[in-house]
């Protein structure tokens, strides 16, 4: 049985006596995770280090348990970062000088937890960074410090009020260039919902803003290299990645992309990056007590982008020569592909109707069914009580 499945089942078994019965589960990210369990397991296999896998386990457990435990209990039982540790982090963040428009959390996330860098994926001196979703400038100042005077940081922020603060807060950083625009799949104009830190492009918005694609911006300004792209844009990361496709293929930059704004982003954004056909290793980092501030990092497996280009050309030649199988599933980064480990788990039956069960038992049943051998669960973990309903058709979906 897959270790992530075991991890979640143990949490469910340990606290099954606290399960609530409302339909809240169907509205949570955890419900989406259960419906896409095979993709979650594939994400687990693709992560390139044990710390990232442990982070994913904690996040998934939180998301599932938040839908079936009484309100507030998941934070008490399964904190991603404990209250004591968080208090210490806040104390340390208070030592950093504030900039206009930021918050204690902004300083904690950026400077203490270094939420937009991973030990396997960092900004180096002299690199060119695209800070997409720069807000009031904390991340811009952080990246400017990392790149030094020989580097370059392009800070994208569409909100007029935040852009003014951004310009003010980075005025002493000559390597930072502020761009008053959002990033999307193509150039144009859009409407922005004014919601402070959660401002997002939407047809219901009231603020007209300019949007640019990364590809057109790079071409227009004749930028000769892009080394690092950070995206935190309130759910528009897929569109922004589409607009940066050619830049990513050309320069093969390091990527730091937020994956917590929408339920599917945790796995779908990795799938999108993999579709570019570049050799990356993947890592995950979380910088919050709740399930926000989760960032997926993509670290190039070739130090030289030209080397990557040559590899892609060789793959095209092999395809033209009739090489079966197309590109390697791992894109050169992970030999331990999910396909090679498919014998560890089975897909959820498409005929399994989640809505037939109450939230607590449907969660158990879903996790049971993705296991390779249901007997492993029955012998290792206490079973929940059987579901008893008056109507006969419900009995067909109860646990063994």
Protein backbone atom coordinates (compact mmCIF):
# COMPACT_ATOMS: atom_id res chain seq x y z
CA UNK A 1 0.00 0.00 0.00
CA UNK A 2 1.26 3.48 -0.78
CA UNK A 3 2.78 5.24 2.28
CA UNK A 4 0.63 8.34 1.76
CA UNK A 5 -2.53 6.23 1.79
CA UNK A 6 -1.41 4.50 5.00
CA UNK A 7 -0.56 7.86 6.56
CA UNK A 8 -4.05 9.25 5.96
CA UNK A 9 -5.90 6.07 6.95
CA UNK A 10 -4.08 5.99 10.29
CA UNK A 11 -5.17 9.56 11.01
CA UNK A 12 -8.75 8.68 10.11
CA UNK A 13 -8.75 5.55 12.25
CA UNK A 14 -7.26 7.33 15.23
CA UNK A 15 -9.93 10.03 15.32
CA UNK A 16 -12.98 8.31 13.80
CA UNK A 17 -14.92 8.84 17.04
CA UNK A 18 -14.87 12.61 16.38
CA UNK A 19 -16.26 12.56 12.84
CA UNK A 20 -19.00 15.07 12.14
CA UNK A 21 -21.82 14.35 9.72
CA UNK A 22 -22.40 17.58 7.72
CA UNK A 23 -21.77 17.83 3.99
CA UNK A 24 -18.87 20.21 4.59
CA UNK A 25 -16.41 17.65 3.18
CA UNK A 26 -17.78 18.10 -0.34
CA UNK A 27 -16.71 21.77 -0.29
CA UNK A 28 -13.12 21.21 0.86
CA UNK A 29 -9.83 20.72 -0.94
CA UNK A 30 -9.65 17.30 0.74
CA UNK A 31 -12.68 16.08 -1.20
CA UNK A 32 -10.96 17.06 -4.43
CA UNK A 33 -7.82 15.23 -3.31
CA UNK A 34 -9.81 12.04 -2.71
CA UNK A 35 -11.41 12.20 -6.14
CA UNK A 36 -7.94 12.63 -7.68
CA UNK A 37 -6.07 10.31 -5.38
CA UNK A 38 -3.95 8.73 -8.11
CA UNK A 39 -2.69 12.15 -9.17
CA UNK A 40 -1.81 12.96 -5.56
CA UNK A 41 0.15 9.71 -5.33
CA UNK A 42 1.90 10.52 -8.60
CA UNK A 43 2.85 13.94 -7.22
CA UNK A 44 4.28 12.21 -4.14
CA UNK A 45 6.44 9.96 -6.30
CA UNK A 46 7.73 12.85 -8.38
CA UNK A 47 8.92 14.94 -5.44
CA UNK A 48 12.68 14.80 -5.31
CA UNK A 49 13.44 14.81 -1.58
CA UNK A 50 12.09 13.27 1.60
CA UNK A 51 11.31 16.63 3.26
CA UNK A 52 9.04 17.55 0.34
CA UNK A 53 7.22 14.23 0.59
CA UNK A 54 6.71 14.69 4.32
CA UNK A 55 5.38 18.19 3.66
CA UNK A 56 2.89 16.81 1.13
CA UNK A 57 1.74 14.15 3.61
CA UNK A 58 1.02 16.78 6.26
CA UNK A 59 -0.84 19.00 3.78
CA UNK A 60 -3.02 16.17 2.42
CA UNK A 61 -3.80 14.90 5.91
CA UNK A 62 -4.84 18.42 6.96
CA UNK A 63 -7.01 18.91 3.88
CA UNK A 64 -8.84 15.60 4.32
CA UNK A 65 -9.33 15.83 8.07
CA UNK A 66 -10.53 19.45 7.83
CA UNK A 67 -13.60 18.19 6.00
CA UNK A 68 -14.72 15.59 8.54
CA UNK A 69 -13.61 16.82 11.97
CA UNK A 70 -15.45 19.45 14.01
CA UNK A 71 -14.38 23.00 13.21
CA UNK A 72 -11.04 23.91 14.75
CA UNK A 73 -10.02 20.37 15.70
CA UNK A 74 -7.80 19.80 12.69
CA UNK A 75 -5.60 22.76 13.67
CA UNK A 76 -5.32 21.34 17.16
CA UNK A 77 -4.67 17.72 16.16
CA UNK A 78 -2.67 18.08 12.94
CA UNK A 79 -0.93 21.47 12.86
CA UNK A 80 1.38 21.84 9.88
CA UNK A 81 3.43 24.20 12.05
CA UNK A 82 2.79 24.06 15.81
CA UNK A 83 1.54 27.08 17.74
CA UNK A 84 4.73 27.24 19.79
CA UNK A 85 6.94 27.14 16.71
CA UNK A 86 4.80 29.75 14.98
CA UNK A 87 5.03 32.09 17.97
CA UNK A 88 8.81 31.82 17.86
CA UNK A 89 8.83 32.56 14.15
CA UNK A 90 6.70 35.65 14.71
CA UNK A 91 9.08 36.81 17.42
CA UNK A 92 11.99 36.51 15.00
CA UNK A 93 10.05 38.29 12.24
CA UNK A 94 9.48 41.26 14.52
CA UNK A 95 13.23 41.89 14.44
CA UNK A 96 13.12 42.64 10.71
CA UNK A 97 12.42 46.24 9.68
CA UNK A 98 8.96 46.74 8.25
CA UNK A 99 8.31 48.33 4.87
CA UNK A 100 5.25 50.37 4.09
CA UNK A 101 2.20 48.23 3.34
CA UNK A 102 3.59 44.88 4.51
CA UNK A 103 2.58 42.75 7.49
CA UNK A 104 4.34 40.64 10.09
CA UNK A 105 3.34 37.55 8.12
CA UNK A 106 4.91 38.95 4.93
CA UNK A 107 8.22 39.37 6.73
CA UNK A 108 7.94 35.96 8.36
CA UNK A 109 7.20 34.17 5.09
CA UNK A 110 9.81 35.98 3.00
CA UNK A 111 12.73 36.55 5.33
CA UNK A 112 12.42 33.93 8.07
CA UNK A 113 10.94 30.91 6.29
CA UNK A 114 12.31 31.97 2.88
CA UNK A 115 9.05 30.74 1.40
CA UNK A 116 9.97 31.39 -2.24
CA UNK A 117 13.22 29.44 -2.12
CA UNK A 118 14.01 25.81 -1.41
CA UNK A 119 17.37 24.41 -0.38
CA UNK A 120 17.37 22.62 -3.74
CA UNK A 121 16.18 25.66 -5.73
CA UNK A 122 17.65 29.06 -4.88
CA UNK A 123 18.45 32.43 -6.44
CA UNK A 124 22.15 32.91 -7.12
CA UNK A 125 24.27 36.04 -7.45
CA UNK A 126 23.98 37.72 -10.84
CA UNK A 127 20.78 35.94 -11.90
CA UNK A 128 17.73 37.47 -13.59
CA UNK A 129 14.55 37.00 -11.56
CA UNK A 130 10.89 37.49 -12.52
CA UNK A 131 8.89 38.25 -9.37
CA UNK A 132 5.30 37.82 -10.58
CA UNK A 133 2.92 39.03 -7.90
CA UNK A 134 5.36 41.35 -6.12
CA UNK A 135 2.75 43.02 -3.85
CA UNK A 136 4.44 45.81 -1.84
CA UNK A 137 8.03 44.72 -2.37
CA UNK A 138 9.15 42.30 0.33
CA UNK A 139 9.98 39.59 -2.18
CA UNK A 140 11.51 42.11 -4.57
CA UNK A 141 13.90 43.30 -1.87
CA UNK A 142 14.68 39.72 -0.90
CA UNK A 143 15.52 38.70 -4.47
CA UNK A 144 17.54 41.89 -4.97
CA UNK A 145 19.65 41.00 -1.97
CA UNK A 146 20.22 37.49 -3.33
CA UNK A 147 21.12 38.53 -6.90
CA UNK A 148 23.31 41.46 -5.88
CA UNK A 149 24.09 44.48 -8.03
CA UNK A 150 25.09 42.27 -10.97
CA UNK A 151 21.64 40.68 -11.13
CA UNK A 152 18.26 41.94 -12.26
CA UNK A 153 14.80 41.62 -10.70
CA UNK A 154 11.59 42.36 -12.63
CA UNK A 155 8.70 42.92 -10.21
CA UNK A 156 5.20 42.56 -11.72
CA UNK A 157 2.27 44.06 -9.78
CA UNK A 158 -1.01 45.18 -11.44
CA UNK A 159 -2.78 46.77 -8.46
CA UNK A 160 -2.24 50.57 -8.66
CA UNK A 161 -2.07 51.12 -4.89
CA UNK A 162 0.30 48.24 -4.25
CA UNK A 163 2.39 49.18 -7.27
CA UNK A 164 2.95 52.66 -5.81
CA UNK A 165 4.10 51.09 -2.54
CA UNK A 166 6.29 48.64 -4.46
CA UNK A 167 8.08 51.48 -6.26
CA UNK A 168 8.58 53.31 -2.99
CA UNK A 169 9.87 50.28 -1.11
CA UNK A 170 12.45 49.22 -3.72
CA UNK A 171 13.69 52.68 -4.71
CA UNK A 172 17.05 51.96 -3.07
CA UNK A 173 17.50 48.74 -5.09
CA UNK A 174 18.87 49.77 -8.50
CA UNK A 175 18.70 46.21 -9.84
CA UNK A 176 14.91 46.10 -9.40
CA UNK A 177 12.62 47.17 -12.26
CA UNK A 178 8.93 47.57 -11.41
CA UNK A 179 6.34 46.63 -14.04
CA UNK A 180 2.74 47.73 -13.50
CA UNK A 181 1.07 44.73 -15.08
CA UNK A 182 -0.32 41.35 -14.25
CA UNK A 183 0.81 38.21 -16.03
CA UNK A 184 -1.45 35.95 -18.06
CA UNK A 185 -1.48 33.87 -21.24
CA UNK A 186 -1.46 36.88 -23.57
CA UNK A 187 -1.23 40.67 -23.59
CA UNK A 188 -4.33 42.75 -23.03
CA UNK A 189 -6.46 44.39 -20.37
CA UNK A 190 -8.49 42.89 -17.55
CA UNK A 191 -10.53 43.82 -14.50
CA UNK A 192 -9.15 43.37 -11.01
CA UNK A 193 -11.15 42.63 -7.87
CA UNK A 194 -9.83 44.95 -5.16
CA UNK A 195 -9.42 42.59 -2.20
CA UNK A 196 -6.13 43.68 -0.64
CA UNK A 197 -3.73 40.70 -0.54
CA UNK A 198 -6.26 38.52 -2.41
CA UNK A 199 -6.87 40.86 -5.36
CA UNK A 200 -7.46 38.77 -8.45
CA UNK A 201 -8.29 39.26 -12.12
CA UNK A 202 -11.97 38.62 -12.78
CA UNK A 203 -14.84 39.75 -14.98
CA UNK A 204 -16.47 40.96 -11.76
CA UNK A 205 -13.54 43.26 -11.02
CA UNK A 206 -13.73 47.05 -10.78
CA UNK A 207 -10.12 48.10 -11.44
CA UNK A 208 -8.92 48.04 -15.08
CA UNK A 209 -5.35 46.78 -15.31
CA UNK A 210 -2.81 45.83 -17.98
CA UNK A 211 -1.80 42.19 -18.38
CA UNK A 212 1.28 40.88 -20.16
CA UNK A 213 2.57 37.48 -21.11
CA UNK A 214 6.09 36.74 -19.98
CA UNK A 215 7.00 35.68 -23.51
CA UNK A 216 5.99 39.01 -25.07
CA UNK A 217 7.67 41.00 -22.29
CA UNK A 218 10.94 39.11 -22.74
CA UNK A 219 10.81 39.58 -26.53
CA UNK A 220 9.89 43.28 -26.32
CA UNK A 221 12.72 44.12 -23.91
CA UNK A 222 15.31 41.87 -25.51
CA UNK A 223 16.02 40.03 -22.27
CA UNK A 224 18.90 37.67 -22.87
CA UNK A 225 18.38 35.32 -19.93
CA UNK A 226 15.81 34.39 -17.29
CA UNK A 227 17.10 32.33 -14.37
CA UNK A 228 14.30 32.29 -11.81
CA UNK A 229 10.52 32.78 -12.06
CA UNK A 230 8.36 33.15 -8.95
CA UNK A 231 4.55 33.18 -9.30
CA UNK A 232 2.06 34.03 -6.56
CA UNK A 233 -0.95 35.49 -8.37
CA UNK A 234 -4.08 34.27 -6.60
CA UNK A 235 -4.99 31.34 -8.83
CA UNK A 236 -3.87 32.62 -12.25
CA UNK A 237 -0.65 30.62 -12.21
CA UNK A 238 -1.81 28.24 -15.01
CA UNK A 239 -2.50 31.13 -17.39
CA UNK A 240 0.77 32.80 -16.48
CA UNK A 241 2.69 29.58 -17.13
CA UNK A 242 1.00 29.34 -20.53
CA UNK A 243 2.20 32.87 -21.29
CA UNK A 244 5.74 31.94 -20.23
CA UNK A 245 5.96 28.67 -22.16
CA UNK A 246 8.53 29.80 -24.75
CA UNK A 247 10.62 31.65 -22.17
CA UNK A 248 10.74 28.54 -19.99
CA UNK A 249 11.66 26.33 -22.94
CA UNK A 250 14.31 28.77 -24.13
CA UNK A 251 16.03 29.57 -20.82
CA UNK A 252 15.07 26.58 -18.67
CA UNK A 253 14.77 28.72 -15.50
CA UNK A 254 14.19 27.66 -11.92
CA UNK A 255 10.51 27.94 -10.99
CA UNK A 256 8.72 28.74 -7.72
CA UNK A 257 4.96 28.48 -8.29
CA UNK A 258 2.23 28.74 -5.65
CA UNK A 259 -0.07 25.70 -5.71
CA UNK A 260 -2.61 26.42 -2.97
CA UNK A 261 -5.10 28.85 -4.51
CA UNK A 262 -7.33 26.22 -6.16
CA UNK A 263 -7.96 22.56 -5.25
CA UNK A 264 -6.37 21.03 -8.34
CA UNK A 265 -3.26 23.24 -8.45
CA UNK A 266 -1.34 20.96 -6.13
CA UNK A 267 -1.03 18.39 -8.92
CA UNK A 268 -2.20 20.14 -12.11
CA UNK A 269 0.52 22.82 -12.11
CA UNK A 270 3.20 20.16 -11.88
CA UNK A 271 1.56 18.39 -14.82
CA UNK A 272 1.63 21.65 -16.79
CA UNK A 273 5.32 22.21 -16.08
CA UNK A 274 6.09 18.63 -17.08
CA UNK A 275 4.23 19.21 -20.36
CA UNK A 276 6.95 21.66 -21.36
CA UNK A 277 9.23 18.65 -21.85
CA UNK A 278 12.13 19.95 -19.76
CA UNK A 279 14.22 17.99 -17.25
CA UNK A 280 13.28 19.26 -13.78
CA UNK A 281 13.37 17.87 -10.27
CA UNK A 282 10.42 18.89 -8.10
CA UNK A 283 10.26 20.03 -4.48
CA UNK A 284 7.55 21.32 -2.15
CA UNK A 285 7.65 23.86 0.66
CA UNK A 286 4.97 25.15 3.03
CA UNK A 287 5.19 28.44 4.94
CA UNK A 288 1.98 28.77 6.94
CA UNK A 289 0.11 27.25 9.88
CA UNK A 290 -2.85 26.60 7.58
CA UNK A 291 -2.92 25.18 4.05
CA UNK A 292 -1.97 28.44 2.32
CA UNK A 293 1.51 29.40 1.15
CA UNK A 294 2.44 26.09 -0.47
CA UNK A 295 5.03 26.51 -3.23
CA UNK A 296 6.13 24.00 -5.85
CA UNK A 297 9.74 24.35 -6.96
CA UNK A 298 11.14 23.09 -10.25
CA UNK A 299 14.92 22.82 -10.31
CA UNK A 300 16.56 22.36 -13.75
CA UNK A 301 18.59 19.20 -14.06
CA UNK A 302 21.03 20.82 -16.48
CA UNK A 303 23.18 23.75 -15.43
CA UNK A 304 23.44 24.95 -19.02
CA UNK A 305 20.19 25.78 -20.85
CA UNK A 306 21.91 25.09 -24.17
CA UNK A 307 22.57 21.56 -22.98
CA UNK A 308 18.83 21.17 -22.33
CA UNK A 309 18.07 22.49 -25.80
CA UNK A 310 20.43 19.94 -27.33
CA UNK A 311 18.72 17.19 -25.34
CA UNK A 312 15.31 18.26 -26.60
CA UNK A 313 16.60 18.24 -30.17
CA UNK A 314 17.96 14.72 -29.68
CA UNK A 315 14.56 13.61 -28.42
CA UNK A 316 12.88 15.10 -31.48
CA UNK A 317 15.33 13.25 -33.71
CA UNK A 318 14.59 9.98 -31.91
CA UNK A 319 10.87 10.58 -32.36
CA UNK A 320 11.32 11.31 -36.05
CA UNK A 321 13.36 8.14 -36.35
CA UNK A 322 10.42 6.17 -35.03
CA UNK A 323 11.52 5.76 -31.43
CA UNK A 324 8.57 4.25 -29.59
CA UNK A 325 7.22 5.76 -26.40
CA UNK A 326 7.91 9.46 -27.03
CA UNK A 327 9.58 11.45 -24.32
CA UNK A 328 10.60 9.75 -21.13
CA UNK A 329 7.89 10.05 -18.53
CA UNK A 330 10.42 11.36 -16.06
CA UNK A 331 11.74 13.98 -18.54
CA UNK A 332 15.22 13.03 -17.42
CA UNK A 333 14.82 14.00 -13.79
CA UNK A 334 13.40 10.97 -11.95
CA UNK A 335 14.18 7.40 -12.85
CA UNK A 336 11.81 6.27 -10.11
CA UNK A 337 8.71 7.17 -12.09
CA UNK A 338 5.21 6.65 -10.87
CA UNK A 339 4.56 4.22 -13.67
CA UNK A 340 7.35 2.00 -12.38
CA UNK A 341 5.61 1.87 -9.03
CA UNK A 342 2.09 1.41 -10.29
CA UNK A 343 1.95 -1.99 -8.63
CA UNK A 344 1.79 -0.21 -5.27
CA UNK A 345 -1.73 1.14 -5.72
CA UNK A 346 -4.86 0.81 -7.83
CA UNK A 347 -7.03 3.47 -9.42
CA UNK A 348 -10.29 4.45 -7.82
CA UNK A 349 -13.17 2.73 -9.56
CA UNK A 350 -15.01 5.22 -11.80
CA UNK A 351 -18.28 3.61 -10.76
CA UNK A 352 -17.69 4.36 -7.10
CA UNK A 353 -20.26 6.99 -6.14
CA UNK A 354 -18.86 9.07 -3.29
CA UNK A 355 -22.16 10.77 -2.60
CA UNK A 356 -23.75 7.53 -1.43
CA UNK A 357 -21.93 7.67 1.91
CA UNK A 358 -21.74 10.14 4.75
CA UNK A 359 -18.50 12.20 4.71
CA UNK A 360 -16.64 10.17 7.32
CA UNK A 361 -17.35 6.76 5.82
CA UNK A 362 -16.98 7.89 2.22
CA UNK A 363 -13.47 9.05 3.09
CA UNK A 364 -12.62 5.70 4.60
CA UNK A 365 -14.10 3.85 1.65
CA UNK A 366 -12.26 5.95 -0.92
CA UNK A 367 -8.92 5.37 0.77
CA UNK A 368 -9.62 1.70 1.18
CA UNK A 369 -10.34 1.33 -2.51
CA UNK A 370 -7.11 2.98 -3.66
CA UNK A 371 -5.09 0.49 -1.62
CA UNK A 372 -3.49 -2.42 -3.43
CA UNK A 373 -4.83 -5.04 -1.05
CA UNK A 374 -7.75 -4.27 1.21
CA UNK A 375 -6.71 -7.07 3.53
CA UNK A 376 -3.62 -5.07 4.48
CA UNK A 377 -5.86 -2.39 5.93
CA UNK A 378 -8.25 -4.78 7.61
CA UNK A 379 -5.51 -6.50 9.56
CA UNK A 380 -3.41 -3.44 10.39
CA UNK A 381 -6.00 -0.78 11.22
CA UNK A 382 -9.29 -0.92 13.13
CA UNK A 383 -12.26 -0.76 10.81
CA UNK A 384 -14.96 1.91 11.19
CA UNK A 385 -18.44 0.82 12.10
CA UNK A 386 -20.62 -0.42 9.29
CA UNK A 387 -23.01 2.08 7.74
CA UNK A 388 -26.61 1.08 8.35
CA UNK A 389 -29.35 2.51 6.14
CA UNK A 390 -32.93 1.56 5.63
CA UNK A 391 -32.79 1.59 1.84
CA UNK A 392 -31.19 -1.57 0.37
CA UNK A 393 -29.21 0.21 -2.37
CA UNK A 394 -27.04 1.89 0.28
CA UNK A 395 -25.76 -1.44 1.56
CA UNK A 396 -23.94 -2.12 -1.67
CA UNK A 397 -21.53 0.70 -0.86
CA UNK A 398 -20.72 -0.10 2.75
CA UNK A 399 -17.30 -1.24 3.87
CA UNK A 400 -16.56 -4.96 3.97
